[in-house]
N, C-alpha and C. Protein backbone atom coordinates (compact mmCIF):
# COMPACT_ATOMS: atom_id res chain seq x y z
N UNK A 1 6.94 7.56 12.33
CA UNK A 1 6.28 7.98 11.05
C UNK A 1 6.71 6.92 9.95
N UNK A 2 5.73 6.48 9.20
CA UNK A 2 5.87 5.58 8.16
C UNK A 2 6.39 6.36 6.86
N UNK A 3 7.44 5.86 6.28
CA UNK A 3 8.01 6.48 5.10
C UNK A 3 7.50 5.91 3.82
N UNK A 4 7.43 6.75 2.86
CA UNK A 4 6.95 6.32 1.38
C UNK A 4 7.88 5.33 0.95
N UNK A 5 7.41 4.15 0.60
CA UNK A 5 8.29 3.04 0.06
C UNK A 5 8.75 3.36 -1.42
N UNK A 6 9.81 2.64 -1.73
CA UNK A 6 10.29 2.64 -2.99
C UNK A 6 10.21 1.17 -3.60
N UNK A 7 9.20 0.88 -4.31
CA UNK A 7 8.95 -0.56 -4.63
C UNK A 7 9.80 -0.88 -5.95
N UNK A 8 10.36 -2.04 -6.02
CA UNK A 8 10.99 -2.45 -7.25
C UNK A 8 9.99 -2.63 -8.34
N UNK A 9 10.41 -2.24 -9.52
CA UNK A 9 9.53 -2.33 -10.73
C UNK A 9 9.80 -3.63 -11.45
N UNK A 10 8.70 -4.28 -11.93
CA UNK A 10 8.96 -5.49 -12.66
C UNK A 10 8.20 -5.40 -13.97
N UNK A 11 8.72 -6.35 -14.95
CA UNK A 11 8.06 -6.37 -16.26
C UNK A 11 8.22 -7.83 -16.72
N UNK A 12 7.27 -8.28 -17.47
CA UNK A 12 7.27 -9.61 -17.96
C UNK A 12 6.99 -10.63 -16.89
N UNK A 13 6.66 -10.22 -15.73
CA UNK A 13 6.13 -11.10 -14.66
C UNK A 13 5.00 -10.26 -13.80
N UNK A 14 4.28 -11.07 -13.09
CA UNK A 14 3.18 -10.32 -12.46
C UNK A 14 3.63 -9.28 -11.58
N UNK A 15 2.96 -8.14 -11.73
CA UNK A 15 3.21 -6.99 -10.77
C UNK A 15 1.89 -6.27 -10.54
N UNK A 16 1.85 -5.44 -9.67
CA UNK A 16 0.70 -4.65 -9.32
C UNK A 16 0.69 -3.28 -10.20
N UNK A 17 -0.44 -2.92 -10.58
CA UNK A 17 -0.58 -1.68 -11.36
C UNK A 17 -0.19 -0.56 -10.49
N UNK A 18 0.86 0.20 -11.13
CA UNK A 18 1.54 1.28 -10.30
C UNK A 18 0.61 2.39 -9.89
N UNK A 19 -0.26 2.75 -10.75
CA UNK A 19 -1.14 3.99 -10.48
C UNK A 19 -2.14 3.65 -9.32
N UNK A 20 -2.68 2.50 -9.27
CA UNK A 20 -3.44 1.95 -8.18
C UNK A 20 -2.72 1.89 -6.80
N UNK A 21 -1.61 1.37 -6.88
CA UNK A 21 -0.77 1.16 -5.69
C UNK A 21 -0.40 2.57 -5.19
N UNK A 22 0.14 3.39 -6.01
CA UNK A 22 0.44 4.77 -5.62
C UNK A 22 -0.59 5.47 -4.97
N UNK A 23 -1.73 5.51 -5.47
CA UNK A 23 -2.90 6.24 -4.98
C UNK A 23 -3.32 5.67 -3.62
N UNK A 24 -3.30 4.33 -3.46
CA UNK A 24 -3.64 3.68 -2.19
C UNK A 24 -2.62 4.03 -1.14
N UNK A 25 -1.40 3.88 -1.47
CA UNK A 25 -0.27 4.08 -0.48
C UNK A 25 -0.29 5.54 -0.02
N UNK A 26 -0.65 6.51 -0.80
CA UNK A 26 -0.75 7.85 -0.31
C UNK A 26 -1.86 8.03 0.74
N UNK A 27 -2.94 7.36 0.52
CA UNK A 27 -3.99 7.28 1.58
C UNK A 27 -3.49 6.63 2.89
N UNK A 28 -2.78 5.51 2.71
CA UNK A 28 -2.34 4.76 3.78
C UNK A 28 -1.33 5.61 4.63
N UNK A 29 -0.42 6.27 3.89
CA UNK A 29 0.69 7.05 4.62
C UNK A 29 -0.04 8.22 5.36
N UNK A 30 -1.04 8.92 4.69
CA UNK A 30 -1.66 9.97 5.35
C UNK A 30 -2.36 9.57 6.58
N UNK A 31 -3.07 8.46 6.58
CA UNK A 31 -3.81 7.87 7.64
C UNK A 31 -2.92 7.57 8.83
N UNK A 32 -1.83 6.66 8.53
CA UNK A 32 -0.90 6.16 9.51
C UNK A 32 -0.17 7.32 10.18
N UNK A 33 0.14 8.32 9.35
CA UNK A 33 1.01 9.52 9.91
C UNK A 33 0.21 10.60 10.42
N UNK A 34 -1.07 10.40 10.56
CA UNK A 34 -1.99 11.38 11.14
C UNK A 34 -2.22 12.64 10.38
N UNK A 35 -2.07 12.58 9.12
CA UNK A 35 -2.27 13.74 8.21
C UNK A 35 -3.71 13.77 7.77
N UNK A 36 -4.12 14.95 7.23
CA UNK A 36 -5.48 15.12 6.73
C UNK A 36 -5.56 14.26 5.41
N UNK A 37 -6.67 13.56 5.43
CA UNK A 37 -6.97 12.71 4.23
C UNK A 37 -8.51 12.66 4.03
N UNK A 38 -8.98 12.77 2.79
CA UNK A 38 -10.43 12.64 2.60
C UNK A 38 -11.08 11.31 3.07
N UNK A 39 -10.38 10.32 2.69
CA UNK A 39 -10.92 9.02 3.11
C UNK A 39 -9.86 8.15 3.84
N UNK A 40 -9.76 8.25 5.18
CA UNK A 40 -8.83 7.49 5.96
C UNK A 40 -9.04 5.93 5.69
N UNK A 41 -7.99 5.29 5.77
CA UNK A 41 -8.16 3.78 5.66
C UNK A 41 -8.12 3.14 6.99
N UNK A 42 -8.72 1.93 7.12
CA UNK A 42 -8.66 1.03 8.26
C UNK A 42 -7.68 -0.04 7.97
N UNK A 43 -7.24 -0.62 9.10
CA UNK A 43 -6.39 -1.82 8.93
C UNK A 43 -6.99 -2.91 8.08
N UNK A 44 -8.28 -3.11 8.33
CA UNK A 44 -9.08 -4.16 7.63
C UNK A 44 -9.10 -3.82 6.10
N UNK A 45 -9.23 -2.50 5.74
CA UNK A 45 -9.29 -2.17 4.36
C UNK A 45 -7.96 -2.37 3.76
N UNK A 46 -6.90 -2.08 4.48
CA UNK A 46 -5.55 -2.32 3.87
C UNK A 46 -5.44 -3.84 3.53
N UNK A 47 -5.75 -4.65 4.55
CA UNK A 47 -5.57 -6.09 4.34
C UNK A 47 -6.44 -6.71 3.23
N UNK A 48 -7.61 -6.05 2.95
CA UNK A 48 -8.57 -6.50 1.99
C UNK A 48 -8.41 -5.90 0.55
N UNK A 49 -7.47 -4.99 0.42
CA UNK A 49 -7.23 -4.26 -0.80
C UNK A 49 -6.63 -5.29 -1.84
N UNK A 50 -7.18 -5.18 -2.98
CA UNK A 50 -6.60 -5.88 -4.13
C UNK A 50 -6.36 -4.99 -5.32
N UNK A 51 -5.21 -5.17 -5.92
CA UNK A 51 -4.86 -4.35 -7.07
C UNK A 51 -4.88 -5.09 -8.33
N UNK A 52 -5.14 -4.40 -9.45
CA UNK A 52 -5.05 -5.01 -10.82
C UNK A 52 -3.65 -5.48 -11.09
N UNK A 53 -3.52 -6.62 -11.55
CA UNK A 53 -2.18 -7.10 -11.97
C UNK A 53 -1.85 -6.91 -13.29
N UNK A 54 -0.57 -6.63 -13.64
CA UNK A 54 -0.08 -6.42 -15.02
C UNK A 54 1.13 -7.33 -15.29
N UNK A 55 1.29 -7.56 -16.59
CA UNK A 55 2.50 -8.38 -16.93
C UNK A 55 3.32 -7.69 -17.93
N UNK A 56 2.70 -7.16 -18.99
CA UNK A 56 3.46 -6.55 -20.12
C UNK A 56 3.97 -5.14 -19.79
N UNK A 57 3.11 -4.43 -19.12
CA UNK A 57 3.53 -3.08 -18.61
C UNK A 57 4.17 -3.12 -17.33
N UNK A 58 4.91 -2.14 -17.05
CA UNK A 58 5.74 -2.05 -15.85
C UNK A 58 4.85 -1.98 -14.57
N UNK A 59 4.98 -2.91 -13.64
CA UNK A 59 4.32 -2.81 -12.35
C UNK A 59 5.26 -2.88 -11.18
N UNK A 60 4.63 -2.87 -9.98
CA UNK A 60 5.46 -3.02 -8.73
C UNK A 60 5.56 -4.50 -8.27
N UNK A 61 6.61 -4.79 -7.72
CA UNK A 61 6.80 -6.18 -7.19
C UNK A 61 5.79 -6.50 -6.18
N UNK A 62 5.03 -7.52 -6.36
CA UNK A 62 3.91 -7.93 -5.52
C UNK A 62 4.30 -8.19 -4.10
N UNK A 63 5.43 -8.93 -3.83
CA UNK A 63 5.79 -9.31 -2.46
C UNK A 63 6.21 -8.02 -1.67
N UNK A 64 6.88 -7.11 -2.34
CA UNK A 64 7.24 -5.90 -1.63
C UNK A 64 6.05 -5.02 -1.26
N UNK A 65 5.12 -4.94 -2.15
CA UNK A 65 3.81 -4.14 -1.91
C UNK A 65 3.06 -4.86 -0.72
N UNK A 66 2.87 -6.10 -0.86
CA UNK A 66 2.16 -6.81 0.17
C UNK A 66 2.85 -6.67 1.56
N UNK A 67 4.17 -6.79 1.64
CA UNK A 67 4.88 -6.61 2.90
C UNK A 67 4.63 -5.28 3.49
N UNK A 68 4.74 -4.30 2.74
CA UNK A 68 4.55 -2.87 3.14
C UNK A 68 3.12 -2.70 3.68
N UNK A 69 2.14 -3.21 2.95
CA UNK A 69 0.73 -3.13 3.42
C UNK A 69 0.60 -3.91 4.75
N UNK A 70 1.09 -5.07 4.89
CA UNK A 70 1.10 -5.79 6.06
C UNK A 70 1.67 -4.96 7.31
N UNK A 71 2.73 -4.41 7.11
CA UNK A 71 3.44 -3.56 8.07
C UNK A 71 2.53 -2.33 8.45
N UNK A 72 1.90 -1.68 7.41
CA UNK A 72 1.12 -0.47 7.61
C UNK A 72 -0.10 -0.88 8.43
N UNK A 73 -0.73 -2.00 8.01
CA UNK A 73 -1.97 -2.47 8.78
C UNK A 73 -1.72 -2.78 10.22
N UNK A 74 -0.55 -3.37 10.41
CA UNK A 74 -0.18 -3.71 11.95
C UNK A 74 0.07 -2.38 12.65
N UNK A 75 0.79 -1.46 12.02
CA UNK A 75 0.99 -0.21 12.66
C UNK A 75 -0.32 0.57 12.96
N UNK A 76 -1.24 0.57 11.97
CA UNK A 76 -2.59 1.25 12.21
C UNK A 76 -3.31 0.55 13.25
N UNK A 77 -3.29 -0.74 13.23
CA UNK A 77 -4.07 -1.53 14.22
C UNK A 77 -3.44 -1.29 15.64
N UNK A 78 -2.15 -1.12 15.75
CA UNK A 78 -1.52 -0.87 17.03
C UNK A 78 -1.79 0.54 17.47
N UNK A 79 -2.02 1.43 16.61
CA UNK A 79 -2.31 2.78 16.90
C UNK A 79 -3.70 2.95 17.59
N UNK A 80 -4.71 2.12 17.02
CA UNK A 80 -5.97 2.16 17.49
C UNK A 80 -6.12 1.49 18.76
N UNK A 81 -5.33 0.43 19.04
CA UNK A 81 -5.38 -0.23 20.31
C UNK A 81 -4.79 0.51 21.52
N UNK A 82 -4.13 1.69 21.14
CA UNK A 82 -3.52 2.51 22.34
C UNK A 82 -4.45 3.41 22.99
């Protein structure tokens, strides 16, 4: 089971918009963990997703979010291959 991540918050440097990341991560977790979701994601969608970047308002650390999404895509891709 993939756990909900806790991303570092950044300000005054580039970060991802928290609301967009949170909504997408919820869909990713539901899909990967086999829960009911209106719009399941694919590994390709995870890899192609882009978030709005912020600098002055608080955002999530870009590297941490990207690493989580890479892990989730690999996990989902592995599930489909089984």
